[in-house]
């Protein structure tokens, strides 16, 4: 498991949530997968990243970006909450806080933001 995924997994488990499924395929007709997913709660996490210096990422092309939008819209229409974060957001704790809030709301441990 990549370091960023292990960090988020440990964080949510420390709060009593189950370990996430990695590369969870959420759509029966498409090959779309979530980086981390809690299928019983319909909560997912996607790590977003741009190409590194000299590198390329399909996410930074027009077609790749449009494909990501299609994926996230399909997920929302199927009832999924998808939290997205960059490496910097994971390192700062912002992404973990957002993910914990989504899991707390989905599990009924919180009923509004900020509880």
PDB file of N, CA and C in Angstrom:
ATOM      1  N   UNK A   1       0.853  -1.171   0.000  1.00  0.00           N
ATOM      2  CA  UNK A   1       0.000   0.000   0.000  1.00  0.00           C
ATOM      3  C   UNK A   1       0.900   1.235   0.000  1.00  0.00           C
ATOM      4  N   UNK A   2       0.541   2.197  -0.825  1.00  0.00           N
ATOM      5  CA  UNK A   2       1.315   3.431  -0.888  1.00  0.00           C
ATOM      6  C   UNK A   2       1.228   4.169   0.444  1.00  0.00           C
ATOM      7  N   UNK A   3       2.226   4.988   0.722  1.00  0.00           N
ATOM      8  CA  UNK A   3       2.307   5.679   2.011  1.00  0.00           C
ATOM      9  C   UNK A   3       1.059   6.523   2.267  1.00  0.00           C
ATOM     10  N   UNK A   4       0.639   7.316   1.290  1.00  0.00           N
ATOM     11  CA  UNK A   4      -0.525   8.185   1.492  1.00  0.00           C
ATOM     12  C   UNK A   4      -1.769   7.374   1.850  1.00  0.00           C
ATOM     13  N   UNK A   5      -1.944   6.218   1.203  1.00  0.00           N
ATOM     14  CA  UNK A   5      -3.109   5.369   1.474  1.00  0.00           C
ATOM     15  C   UNK A   5      -3.007   4.751   2.866  1.00  0.00           C
ATOM     16  N   UNK A   6      -1.798   4.359   3.253  1.00  0.00           N
ATOM     17  CA  UNK A   6      -1.601   3.795   4.592  1.00  0.00           C
ATOM     18  C   UNK A   6      -1.885   4.832   5.668  1.00  0.00           C
ATOM     19  N   UNK A   7      -1.499   6.080   5.414  1.00  0.00           N
ATOM     20  CA  UNK A   7      -1.750   7.165   6.376  1.00  0.00           C
ATOM     21  C   UNK A   7      -3.249   7.365   6.569  1.00  0.00           C
ATOM     22  N   UNK A   8      -3.997   7.472   5.469  1.00  0.00           N
ATOM     23  CA  UNK A   8      -5.444   7.669   5.576  1.00  0.00           C
ATOM     24  C   UNK A   8      -6.132   6.443   6.177  1.00  0.00           C
ATOM     25  N   UNK A   9      -5.691   5.270   5.803  1.00  0.00           N
ATOM     26  CA  UNK A   9      -6.266   4.042   6.349  1.00  0.00           C
ATOM     27  C   UNK A   9      -6.071   3.970   7.856  1.00  0.00           C
ATOM     28  N   UNK A  10      -4.871   4.263   8.318  1.00  0.00           N
ATOM     29  CA  UNK A  10      -4.594   4.241   9.762  1.00  0.00           C
ATOM     30  C   UNK A  10      -5.422   5.286  10.492  1.00  0.00           C
ATOM     31  N   UNK A  11      -5.565   6.458   9.900  1.00  0.00           N
ATOM     32  CA  UNK A  11      -6.348   7.523  10.524  1.00  0.00           C
ATOM     33  C   UNK A  11      -7.796   7.094  10.718  1.00  0.00           C
ATOM     34  N   UNK A  12      -8.424   6.595   9.679  1.00  0.00           N
ATOM     35  CA  UNK A  12      -9.843   6.249   9.813  1.00  0.00           C
ATOM     36  C   UNK A  12     -10.042   5.039  10.726  1.00  0.00           C
ATOM     37  N   UNK A  13      -9.108   4.114  10.694  1.00  0.00           N
ATOM     38  CA  UNK A  13      -9.215   2.963  11.589  1.00  0.00           C
ATOM     39  C   UNK A  13      -9.036   3.379  13.051  1.00  0.00           C
ATOM     40  N   UNK A  14      -8.207   4.395  13.286  1.00  0.00           N
ATOM     41  CA  UNK A  14      -8.017   4.870  14.661  1.00  0.00           C
ATOM     42  C   UNK A  14      -9.293   5.492  15.218  1.00  0.00           C
ATOM     43  N   UNK A  15     -10.198   5.868  14.339  1.00  0.00           N
ATOM     44  CA  UNK A  15     -11.486   6.453  14.746  1.00  0.00           C
ATOM     45  C   UNK A  15     -12.614   5.419  14.706  1.00  0.00           C
ATOM     46  N   UNK A  16     -12.259   4.147  14.555  1.00  0.00           N
ATOM     47  CA  UNK A  16     -13.251   3.082  14.619  1.00  0.00           C
ATOM     48  C   UNK A  16     -13.915   2.714  13.305  1.00  0.00           C
ATOM     49  N   UNK A  17     -13.424   3.248  12.200  1.00  0.00           N
ATOM     50  CA  UNK A  17     -13.978   2.896  10.892  1.00  0.00           C
ATOM     51  C   UNK A  17     -13.196   1.716  10.327  1.00  0.00           C
ATOM     52  N   UNK A  18     -13.825   0.932   9.459  1.00  0.00           N
ATOM     53  CA  UNK A  18     -13.117  -0.215   8.881  1.00  0.00           C
ATOM     54  C   UNK A  18     -12.020   0.207   7.906  1.00  0.00           C
ATOM     55  N   UNK A  19     -11.146  -0.721   7.629  1.00  0.00           N
ATOM     56  CA  UNK A  19     -10.090  -0.518   6.643  1.00  0.00           C
ATOM     57  C   UNK A  19     -10.742  -0.320   5.276  1.00  0.00           C
ATOM     58  N   UNK A  20     -10.244   0.595   4.480  1.00  0.00           N
ATOM     59  CA  UNK A  20     -10.839   0.799   3.151  1.00  0.00           C
ATOM     60  C   UNK A  20     -10.454  -0.309   2.181  1.00  0.00           C
ATOM     61  N   UNK A  21     -11.258  -0.461   1.165  1.00  0.00           N
ATOM     62  CA  UNK A  21     -10.903  -1.336   0.048  1.00  0.00           C
ATOM     63  C   UNK A  21     -10.103  -0.502  -0.936  1.00  0.00           C
ATOM     64  N   UNK A  22      -9.031  -1.068  -1.467  1.00  0.00           N
ATOM     65  CA  UNK A  22      -8.183  -0.378  -2.445  1.00  0.00           C
ATOM     66  C   UNK A  22      -8.660  -0.696  -3.851  1.00  0.00           C
ATOM     67  N   UNK A  23      -8.603   0.287  -4.709  1.00  0.00           N
ATOM     68  CA  UNK A  23      -8.957   0.126  -6.120  1.00  0.00           C
ATOM     69  C   UNK A  23     -10.318  -0.556  -6.278  1.00  0.00           C
ATOM     70  N   UNK A  24     -11.292  -0.029  -5.558  1.00  0.00           N
ATOM     71  CA  UNK A  24     -12.635  -0.609  -5.554  1.00  0.00           C
ATOM     72  C   UNK A  24     -13.385  -0.235  -6.836  1.00  0.00           C
ATOM     73  N   UNK A  25     -13.849  -1.236  -7.561  1.00  0.00           N
ATOM     74  CA  UNK A  25     -14.607  -1.005  -8.790  1.00  0.00           C
ATOM     75  C   UNK A  25     -16.063  -0.758  -8.417  1.00  0.00           C
ATOM     76  N   UNK A  26     -16.538   0.465  -8.654  1.00  0.00           N
ATOM     77  CA  UNK A  26     -17.863   0.846  -8.198  1.00  0.00           C
ATOM     78  C   UNK A  26     -18.928   0.815  -9.285  1.00  0.00           C
ATOM     79  N   UNK A  27     -18.533   0.621 -10.520  1.00  0.00           N
ATOM     80  CA  UNK A  27     -19.487   0.665 -11.625  1.00  0.00           C
ATOM     81  C   UNK A  27     -19.423  -0.655 -12.386  1.00  0.00           C
ATOM     82  N   UNK A  28     -20.582  -1.270 -12.600  1.00  0.00           N
ATOM     83  CA  UNK A  28     -20.592  -2.604 -13.214  1.00  0.00           C
ATOM     84  C   UNK A  28     -20.253  -2.588 -14.702  1.00  0.00           C
ATOM     85  N   UNK A  29     -20.550  -1.497 -15.400  1.00  0.00           N
ATOM     86  CA  UNK A  29     -20.313  -1.458 -16.844  1.00  0.00           C
ATOM     87  C   UNK A  29     -18.997  -0.797 -17.235  1.00  0.00           C
ATOM     88  N   UNK A  30     -18.450   0.010 -16.372  1.00  0.00           N
ATOM     89  CA  UNK A  30     -17.218   0.724 -16.664  1.00  0.00           C
ATOM     90  C   UNK A  30     -16.111   0.180 -15.761  1.00  0.00           C
ATOM     91  N   UNK A  31     -14.904   0.457 -16.112  1.00  0.00           N
ATOM     92  CA  UNK A  31     -13.761  -0.012 -15.321  1.00  0.00           C
ATOM     93  C   UNK A  31     -13.361   0.992 -14.248  1.00  0.00           C
ATOM     94  N   UNK A  32     -14.257   1.908 -13.909  1.00  0.00           N
ATOM     95  CA  UNK A  32     -13.951   2.937 -12.920  1.00  0.00           C
ATOM     96  C   UNK A  32     -13.684   2.336 -11.554  1.00  0.00           C
ATOM     97  N   UNK A  33     -12.662   2.847 -10.914  1.00  0.00           N
ATOM     98  CA  UNK A  33     -12.284   2.398  -9.574  1.00  0.00           C
ATOM     99  C   UNK A  33     -12.022   3.627  -8.699  1.00  0.00           C
ATOM    100  N   UNK A  34     -12.230   3.434  -7.401  1.00  0.00           N
ATOM    101  CA  UNK A  34     -11.860   4.448  -6.424  1.00  0.00           C
ATOM    102  C   UNK A  34     -10.533   4.047  -5.810  1.00  0.00           C
ATOM    103  N   UNK A  35      -9.695   5.025  -5.468  1.00  0.00           N
ATOM    104  CA  UNK A  35      -8.426   4.727  -4.806  1.00  0.00           C
ATOM    105  C   UNK A  35      -8.672   4.027  -3.475  1.00  0.00           C
ATOM    106  N   UNK A  36      -9.568   4.580  -2.661  1.00  0.00           N
ATOM    107  CA  UNK A  36      -9.969   3.991  -1.384  1.00  0.00           C
ATOM    108  C   UNK A  36     -11.486   4.038  -1.321  1.00  0.00           C
ATOM    109  N   UNK A  37     -12.109   3.002  -0.771  1.00  0.00           N
ATOM    110  CA  UNK A  37     -13.577   3.002  -0.691  1.00  0.00           C
ATOM    111  C   UNK A  37     -14.066   2.248   0.528  1.00  0.00           C
ATOM    112  N   UNK A  38     -15.180   2.738   1.025  1.00  0.00           N
ATOM    113  CA  UNK A  38     -15.923   2.104   2.108  1.00  0.00           C
ATOM    114  C   UNK A  38     -17.305   1.808   1.519  1.00  0.00           C
ATOM    115  N   UNK A  39     -17.424   0.676   0.785  1.00  0.00           N
ATOM    116  CA  UNK A  39     -18.657   0.390   0.044  1.00  0.00           C
ATOM    117  C   UNK A  39     -19.924   0.362   0.893  1.00  0.00           C
ATOM    118  N   UNK A  40     -19.857  -0.138   2.094  1.00  0.00           N
ATOM    119  CA  UNK A  40     -21.049  -0.206   2.944  1.00  0.00           C
ATOM    120  C   UNK A  40     -21.593   1.181   3.262  1.00  0.00           C
ATOM    121  N   UNK A  41     -20.714   2.184   3.267  1.00  0.00           N
ATOM    122  CA  UNK A  41     -21.115   3.559   3.558  1.00  0.00           C
ATOM    123  C   UNK A  41     -21.227   4.421   2.299  1.00  0.00           C
ATOM    124  N   UNK A  42     -20.793   3.861   1.178  1.00  0.00           N
ATOM    125  CA  UNK A  42     -20.752   4.593  -0.092  1.00  0.00           C
ATOM    126  C   UNK A  42     -19.936   5.879   0.036  1.00  0.00           C
ATOM    127  N   UNK A  43     -18.776   5.749   0.656  1.00  0.00           N
ATOM    128  CA  UNK A  43     -17.818   6.850   0.773  1.00  0.00           C
ATOM    129  C   UNK A  43     -16.529   6.400   0.083  1.00  0.00           C
ATOM    130  N   UNK A  44     -15.937   7.296  -0.680  1.00  0.00           N
ATOM    131  CA  UNK A  44     -14.696   6.974  -1.382  1.00  0.00           C
ATOM    132  C   UNK A  44     -13.725   8.139  -1.271  1.00  0.00           C
ATOM    133  N   UNK A  45     -12.452   7.835  -1.481  1.00  0.00           N
ATOM    134  CA  UNK A  45     -11.413   8.859  -1.518  1.00  0.00           C
ATOM    135  C   UNK A  45     -10.631   8.689  -2.805  1.00  0.00           C
ATOM    136  N   UNK A  46     -10.391   9.809  -3.471  1.00  0.00           N
ATOM    137  CA  UNK A  46      -9.590   9.835  -4.688  1.00  0.00           C
ATOM    138  C   UNK A  46      -8.420  10.775  -4.495  1.00  0.00           C
ATOM    139  N   UNK A  47      -7.220  10.272  -4.678  1.00  0.00           N
ATOM    140  CA  UNK A  47      -6.020  11.113  -4.625  1.00  0.00           C
ATOM    141  C   UNK A  47      -5.813  11.700  -6.001  1.00  0.00           C
ATOM    142  N   UNK A  48      -5.790  13.014  -6.050  1.00  0.00           N
ATOM    143  CA  UNK A  48      -5.613  13.723  -7.311  1.00  0.00           C
ATOM    144  C   UNK A  48      -4.182  14.204  -7.412  1.00  0.00           C
ATOM    145  N   UNK A  49      -3.653  14.120  -8.600  1.00  0.00           N
ATOM    146  CA  UNK A  49      -2.290  14.587  -8.782  1.00  0.00           C
ATOM    147  C   UNK A  49      -2.058  15.067 -10.193  1.00  0.00           C
ATOM    148  N   UNK A  50      -1.194  16.027 -10.330  1.00  0.00           N
ATOM    149  CA  UNK A  50      -0.790  16.513 -11.637  1.00  0.00           C
ATOM    150  C   UNK A  50       0.484  15.805 -12.041  1.00  0.00           C
ATOM    151  N   UNK A  51       0.827  15.943 -13.265  1.00  0.00           N
ATOM    152  CA  UNK A  51       2.062  15.335 -13.747  1.00  0.00           C
ATOM    153  C   UNK A  51       3.251  15.953 -13.022  1.00  0.00           C
ATOM    154  N   UNK A  52       4.224  15.129 -12.724  1.00  0.00           N
ATOM    155  CA  UNK A  52       5.447  15.638 -12.125  1.00  0.00           C
ATOM    156  C   UNK A  52       6.304  16.271 -13.216  1.00  0.00           C
ATOM    157  N   UNK A  53       7.326  16.981 -12.830  1.00  0.00           N
ATOM    158  CA  UNK A  53       8.186  17.677 -13.787  1.00  0.00           C
ATOM    159  C   UNK A  53       8.660  16.705 -14.868  1.00  0.00           C
ATOM    160  N   UNK A  54       8.306  17.011 -16.086  1.00  0.00           N
ATOM    161  CA  UNK A  54       8.708  16.176 -17.205  1.00  0.00           C
ATOM    162  C   UNK A  54       7.805  14.971 -17.423  1.00  0.00           C
ATOM    163  N   UNK A  55       6.881  14.730 -16.522  1.00  0.00           N
ATOM    164  CA  UNK A  55       6.006  13.578 -16.656  1.00  0.00           C
ATOM    165  C   UNK A  55       4.666  13.959 -17.230  1.00  0.00           C
ATOM    166  N   UNK A  56       3.881  12.954 -17.507  1.00  0.00           N
ATOM    167  CA  UNK A  56       2.551  13.189 -18.049  1.00  0.00           C
ATOM    168  C   UNK A  56       1.552  12.391 -17.238  1.00  0.00           C
ATOM    169  N   UNK A  57       0.354  12.923 -17.146  1.00  0.00           N
ATOM    170  CA  UNK A  57      -0.729  12.249 -16.461  1.00  0.00           C
ATOM    171  C   UNK A  57      -1.967  12.364 -17.326  1.00  0.00           C
ATOM    172  N   UNK A  58      -2.733  11.307 -17.456  1.00  0.00           N
ATOM    173  CA  UNK A  58      -3.944  11.376 -18.269  1.00  0.00           C
ATOM    174  C   UNK A  58      -4.940  12.349 -17.658  1.00  0.00           C
ATOM    175  N   UNK A  59      -4.830  12.580 -16.352  1.00  0.00           N
ATOM    176  CA  UNK A  59      -5.757  13.486 -15.669  1.00  0.00           C
ATOM    177  C   UNK A  59      -5.585  14.933 -16.100  1.00  0.00           C
ATOM    178  N   UNK A  60      -4.438  15.263 -16.691  1.00  0.00           N
ATOM    179  CA  UNK A  60      -4.192  16.653 -17.079  1.00  0.00           C
ATOM    180  C   UNK A  60      -4.515  16.911 -18.546  1.00  0.00           C
ATOM    181  N   UNK A  61      -4.955  15.904 -19.274  1.00  0.00           N
ATOM    182  CA  UNK A  61      -5.386  16.116 -20.651  1.00  0.00           C
ATOM    183  C   UNK A  61      -6.867  16.473 -20.657  1.00  0.00           C
ATOM    184  N   UNK A  62      -7.324  17.107 -21.726  1.00  0.00           N
ATOM    185  CA  UNK A  62      -8.749  17.441 -21.825  1.00  0.00           C
ATOM    186  C   UNK A  62      -9.616  16.192 -21.723  1.00  0.00           C
ATOM    187  N   UNK A  63      -9.242  15.141 -22.428  1.00  0.00           N
ATOM    188  CA  UNK A  63     -10.027  13.900 -22.403  1.00  0.00           C
ATOM    189  C   UNK A  63      -9.984  13.250 -21.023  1.00  0.00           C
ATOM    190  N   UNK A  64      -8.832  13.274 -20.394  1.00  0.00           N
ATOM    191  CA  UNK A  64      -8.704  12.690 -19.058  1.00  0.00           C
ATOM    192  C   UNK A  64      -9.515  13.440 -18.033  1.00  0.00           C
ATOM    193  N   UNK A  65      -9.472  14.762 -18.104  1.00  0.00           N
ATOM    194  CA  UNK A  65     -10.240  15.594 -17.184  1.00  0.00           C
ATOM    195  C   UNK A  65     -11.733  15.355 -17.377  1.00  0.00           C
ATOM    196  N   UNK A  66     -12.174  15.312 -18.633  1.00  0.00           N
ATOM    197  CA  UNK A  66     -13.585  15.051 -18.926  1.00  0.00           C
ATOM    198  C   UNK A  66     -13.985  13.661 -18.433  1.00  0.00           C
ATOM    199  N   UNK A  67     -13.094  12.690 -18.569  1.00  0.00           N
ATOM    200  CA  UNK A  67     -13.379  11.343 -18.072  1.00  0.00           C
ATOM    201  C   UNK A  67     -13.531  11.308 -16.561  1.00  0.00           C
ATOM    202  N   UNK A  68     -12.702  12.085 -15.870  1.00  0.00           N
ATOM    203  CA  UNK A  68     -12.823  12.164 -14.411  1.00  0.00           C
ATOM    204  C   UNK A  68     -14.154  12.771 -14.003  1.00  0.00           C
ATOM    205  N   UNK A  69     -14.580  13.812 -14.713  1.00  0.00           N
ATOM    206  CA  UNK A  69     -15.870  14.434 -14.406  1.00  0.00           C
ATOM    207  C   UNK A  69     -16.995  13.417 -14.613  1.00  0.00           C
ATOM    208  N   UNK A  70     -16.939  12.684 -15.707  1.00  0.00           N
ATOM    209  CA  UNK A  70     -17.951  11.659 -15.979  1.00  0.00           C
ATOM    210  C   UNK A  70     -17.980  10.622 -14.852  1.00  0.00           C
ATOM    211  N   UNK A  71     -16.816  10.201 -14.415  1.00  0.00           N
ATOM    212  CA  UNK A  71     -16.717   9.216 -13.324  1.00  0.00           C
ATOM    213  C   UNK A  71     -17.313   9.765 -12.035  1.00  0.00           C
ATOM    214  N   UNK A  72     -16.941  10.970 -11.654  1.00  0.00           N
ATOM    215  CA  UNK A  72     -17.430  11.534 -10.393  1.00  0.00           C
ATOM    216  C   UNK A  72     -18.930  11.820 -10.450  1.00  0.00           C
ATOM    217  N   UNK A  73     -19.441  12.237 -11.603  1.00  0.00           N
ATOM    218  CA  UNK A  73     -20.880  12.437 -11.734  1.00  0.00           C
ATOM    219  C   UNK A  73     -21.633  11.120 -11.618  1.00  0.00           C
ATOM    220  N   UNK A  74     -21.129  10.073 -12.259  1.00  0.00           N
ATOM    221  CA  UNK A  74     -21.772   8.752 -12.161  1.00  0.00           C
ATOM    222  C   UNK A  74     -21.767   8.267 -10.723  1.00  0.00           C
ATOM    223  N   UNK A  75     -20.670   8.500 -10.017  1.00  0.00           N
ATOM    224  CA  UNK A  75     -20.578   8.095  -8.609  1.00  0.00           C
ATOM    225  C   UNK A  75     -21.616   8.844  -7.774  1.00  0.00           C
ATOM    226  N   UNK A  76     -21.734  10.151  -7.977  1.00  0.00           N
ATOM    227  CA  UNK A  76     -22.703  10.948  -7.221  1.00  0.00           C
ATOM    228  C   UNK A  76     -24.126  10.486  -7.505  1.00  0.00           C
ATOM    229  N   UNK A  77     -24.433  10.215  -8.757  1.00  0.00           N
ATOM    230  CA  UNK A  77     -25.776   9.765  -9.116  1.00  0.00           C
ATOM    231  C   UNK A  77     -26.088   8.388  -8.545  1.00  0.00           C
ATOM    232  N   UNK A  78     -25.045   7.604  -8.266  1.00  0.00           N
ATOM    233  CA  UNK A  78     -25.228   6.288  -7.648  1.00  0.00           C
ATOM    234  C   UNK A  78     -25.226   6.376  -6.121  1.00  0.00           C
ATOM    235  N   UNK A  79     -25.143   7.596  -5.579  1.00  0.00           N
ATOM    236  CA  UNK A  79     -25.225   7.781  -4.135  1.00  0.00           C
ATOM    237  C   UNK A  79     -23.905   7.795  -3.394  1.00  0.00           C
ATOM    238  N   UNK A  80     -22.792   7.864  -4.097  1.00  0.00           N
ATOM    239  CA  UNK A  80     -21.474   7.886  -3.468  1.00  0.00           C
ATOM    240  C   UNK A  80     -21.083   9.306  -3.079  1.00  0.00           C
ATOM    241  N   UNK A  81     -20.398   9.418  -1.946  1.00  0.00           N
ATOM    242  CA  UNK A  81     -19.722  10.655  -1.558  1.00  0.00           C
ATOM    243  C   UNK A  81     -18.248  10.422  -1.866  1.00  0.00           C
ATOM    244  N   UNK A  82     -17.693  11.254  -2.726  1.00  0.00           N
ATOM    245  CA  UNK A  82     -16.292  11.105  -3.121  1.00  0.00           C
ATOM    246  C   UNK A  82     -15.517  12.311  -2.602  1.00  0.00           C
ATOM    247  N   UNK A  83     -14.593  12.042  -1.702  1.00  0.00           N
ATOM    248  CA  UNK A  83     -13.701  13.070  -1.183  1.00  0.00           C
ATOM    249  C   UNK A  83     -12.428  13.013  -2.015  1.00  0.00           C
ATOM    250  N   UNK A  84     -12.015  14.159  -2.500  1.00  0.00           N
ATOM    251  CA  UNK A  84     -10.821  14.232  -3.334  1.00  0.00           C
ATOM    252  C   UNK A  84      -9.749  15.024  -2.599  1.00  0.00           C
ATOM    253  N   UNK A  85      -8.501  14.629  -2.786  1.00  0.00           N
ATOM    254  CA  UNK A  85      -7.417  15.351  -2.142  1.00  0.00           C
ATOM    255  C   UNK A  85      -6.107  15.194  -2.879  1.00  0.00           C
ATOM    256  N   UNK A  86      -5.261  16.196  -2.720  1.00  0.00           N
ATOM    257  CA  UNK A  86      -3.920  16.149  -3.290  1.00  0.00           C
ATOM    258  C   UNK A  86      -2.948  15.621  -2.237  1.00  0.00           C
ATOM    259  N   UNK A  87      -1.742  15.353  -2.655  1.00  0.00           N
ATOM    260  CA  UNK A  87      -0.716  14.917  -1.713  1.00  0.00           C
ATOM    261  C   UNK A  87      -0.521  15.958  -0.620  1.00  0.00           C
ATOM    262  N   UNK A  88      -0.503  17.230  -1.002  1.00  0.00           N
ATOM    263  CA  UNK A  88      -0.324  18.299  -0.020  1.00  0.00           C
ATOM    264  C   UNK A  88      -1.483  18.310   0.989  1.00  0.00           C
ATOM    265  N   UNK A  89      -2.703  18.085   0.521  1.00  0.00           N
ATOM    266  CA  UNK A  89      -3.863  18.051   1.418  1.00  0.00           C
ATOM    267  C   UNK A  89      -3.801  16.847   2.368  1.00  0.00           C
ATOM    268  N   UNK A  90      -3.269  15.741   1.884  1.00  0.00           N
ATOM    269  CA  UNK A  90      -3.104  14.562   2.749  1.00  0.00           C
ATOM    270  C   UNK A  90      -2.047  14.861   3.801  1.00  0.00           C
ATOM    271  N   UNK A  91      -0.914  15.427   3.381  1.00  0.00           N
ATOM    272  CA  UNK A  91       0.174  15.740   4.310  1.00  0.00           C
ATOM    273  C   UNK A  91      -0.227  16.759   5.368  1.00  0.00           C
ATOM    274  N   UNK A  92      -1.073  17.714   5.018  1.00  0.00           N
ATOM    275  CA  UNK A  92      -1.479  18.746   5.971  1.00  0.00           C
ATOM    276  C   UNK A  92      -2.567  18.267   6.927  1.00  0.00           C
ATOM    277  N   UNK A  93      -3.212  17.168   6.593  1.00  0.00           N
ATOM    278  CA  UNK A  93      -4.308  16.657   7.417  1.00  0.00           C
ATOM    279  C   UNK A  93      -5.682  17.087   6.939  1.00  0.00           C
ATOM    280  N   UNK A  94      -5.724  18.033   6.004  1.00  0.00           N
ATOM    281  CA  UNK A  94      -7.001  18.527   5.490  1.00  0.00           C
ATOM    282  C   UNK A  94      -7.823  17.407   4.846  1.00  0.00           C
ATOM    283  N   UNK A  95      -7.191  16.593   4.016  1.00  0.00           N
ATOM    284  CA  UNK A  95      -7.914  15.517   3.337  1.00  0.00           C
ATOM    285  C   UNK A  95      -8.421  14.479   4.341  1.00  0.00           C
ATOM    286  N   UNK A  96      -7.613  14.165   5.334  1.00  0.00           N
ATOM    287  CA  UNK A  96      -8.037  13.218   6.365  1.00  0.00           C
ATOM    288  C   UNK A  96      -9.225  13.728   7.152  1.00  0.00           C
ATOM    289  N   UNK A  97      -9.215  15.021   7.473  1.00  0.00           N
ATOM    290  CA  UNK A  97     -10.352  15.611   8.191  1.00  0.00           C
ATOM    291  C   UNK A  97     -11.628  15.548   7.357  1.00  0.00           C
ATOM    292  N   UNK A  98     -11.521  15.881   6.069  1.00  0.00           N
ATOM    293  CA  UNK A  98     -12.689  15.807   5.193  1.00  0.00           C
ATOM    294  C   UNK A  98     -13.191  14.375   5.072  1.00  0.00           C
ATOM    295  N   UNK A  99     -12.270  13.432   4.935  1.00  0.00           N
ATOM    296  CA  UNK A  99     -12.652  12.030   4.831  1.00  0.00           C
ATOM    297  C   UNK A  99     -13.330  11.547   6.105  1.00  0.00           C
ATOM    298  N   UNK A 100     -12.773  11.894   7.256  1.00  0.00           N
ATOM    299  CA  UNK A 100     -13.402  11.513   8.526  1.00  0.00           C
ATOM    300  C   UNK A 100     -14.802  12.107   8.661  1.00  0.00           C
ATOM    301  N   UNK A 101     -14.971  13.347   8.263  1.00  0.00           N
ATOM    302  CA  UNK A 101     -16.296  13.968   8.321  1.00  0.00           C
ATOM    303  C   UNK A 101     -17.286  13.200   7.449  1.00  0.00           C
ATOM    304  N   UNK A 102     -16.875  12.849   6.241  1.00  0.00           N
ATOM    305  CA  UNK A 102     -17.760  12.090   5.344  1.00  0.00           C
ATOM    306  C   UNK A 102     -18.120  10.736   5.943  1.00  0.00           C
ATOM    307  N   UNK A 103     -17.151  10.053   6.532  1.00  0.00           N
ATOM    308  CA  UNK A 103     -17.416   8.749   7.149  1.00  0.00           C
ATOM    309  C   UNK A 103     -18.314   8.889   8.368  1.00  0.00           C
ATOM    310  N   UNK A 104     -18.097   9.931   9.154  1.00  0.00           N
ATOM    311  CA  UNK A 104     -18.936  10.162  10.338  1.00  0.00           C
ATOM    312  C   UNK A 104     -20.382  10.441   9.923  1.00  0.00           C
ATOM    313  N   UNK A 105     -20.575  11.261   8.913  1.00  0.00           N
ATOM    314  CA  UNK A 105     -21.926  11.560   8.432  1.00  0.00           C
ATOM    315  C   UNK A 105     -22.591  10.317   7.852  1.00  0.00           C
ATOM    316  N   UNK A 106     -21.853   9.564   7.043  1.00  0.00           N
ATOM    317  CA  UNK A 106     -22.415   8.372   6.397  1.00  0.00           C
ATOM    318  C   UNK A 106     -22.762   7.278   7.403  1.00  0.00           C
ATOM    319  N   UNK A 107     -22.002   7.203   8.490  1.00  0.00           N
ATOM    320  CA  UNK A 107     -22.239   6.152   9.484  1.00  0.00           C
ATOM    321  C   UNK A 107     -23.248   6.566  10.536  1.00  0.00           C
ATOM    322  N   UNK A 108     -23.696   7.831  10.485  1.00  0.00           N
ATOM    323  CA  UNK A 108     -24.673   8.309  11.444  1.00  0.00           C
ATOM    324  C   UNK A 108     -24.064   8.757  12.764  1.00  0.00           C
ATOM    325  N   UNK A 109     -22.743   8.803  12.843  1.00  0.00           N
ATOM    326  CA  UNK A 109     -22.094   9.273  14.070  1.00  0.00           C
ATOM    327  C   UNK A 109     -22.172  10.779  14.208  1.00  0.00           C
ATOM    328  N   UNK A 110     -22.420  11.445  13.104  1.00  0.00           N
ATOM    329  CA  UNK A 110     -22.630  12.896  13.084  1.00  0.00           C
ATOM    330  C   UNK A 110     -23.823  13.164  12.194  1.00  0.00           C
ATOM    331  N   UNK A 111     -24.549  14.192  12.510  1.00  0.00           N
ATOM    332  CA  UNK A 111     -25.715  14.516  11.682  1.00  0.00           C
ATOM    333  C   UNK A 111     -25.550  15.817  10.925  1.00  0.00           C
ATOM    334  N   UNK A 112     -24.566  16.611  11.319  1.00  0.00           N
ATOM    335  CA  UNK A 112     -24.256  17.845  10.595  1.00  0.00           C
ATOM    336  C   UNK A 112     -22.751  18.043  10.574  1.00  0.00           C
ATOM    337  N   UNK A 113     -22.286  18.898   9.720  1.00  0.00           N
ATOM    338  CA  UNK A 113     -20.849  19.216   9.693  1.00  0.00           C
ATOM    339  C   UNK A 113     -20.450  19.858  11.013  1.00  0.00           C
ATOM    340  N   UNK A 114     -19.270  19.522  11.473  1.00  0.00           N
ATOM    341  CA  UNK A 114     -18.744  20.147  12.675  1.00  0.00           C
ATOM    342  C   UNK A 114     -19.084  19.432  13.973  1.00  0.00           C
ATOM    343  N   UNK A 115     -19.769  18.296  13.904  1.00  0.00           N
ATOM    344  CA  UNK A 115     -20.071  17.574  15.155  1.00  0.00           C
ATOM    345  C   UNK A 115     -18.892  16.739  15.578  1.00  0.00           C
TER     346      UNK A 115
END
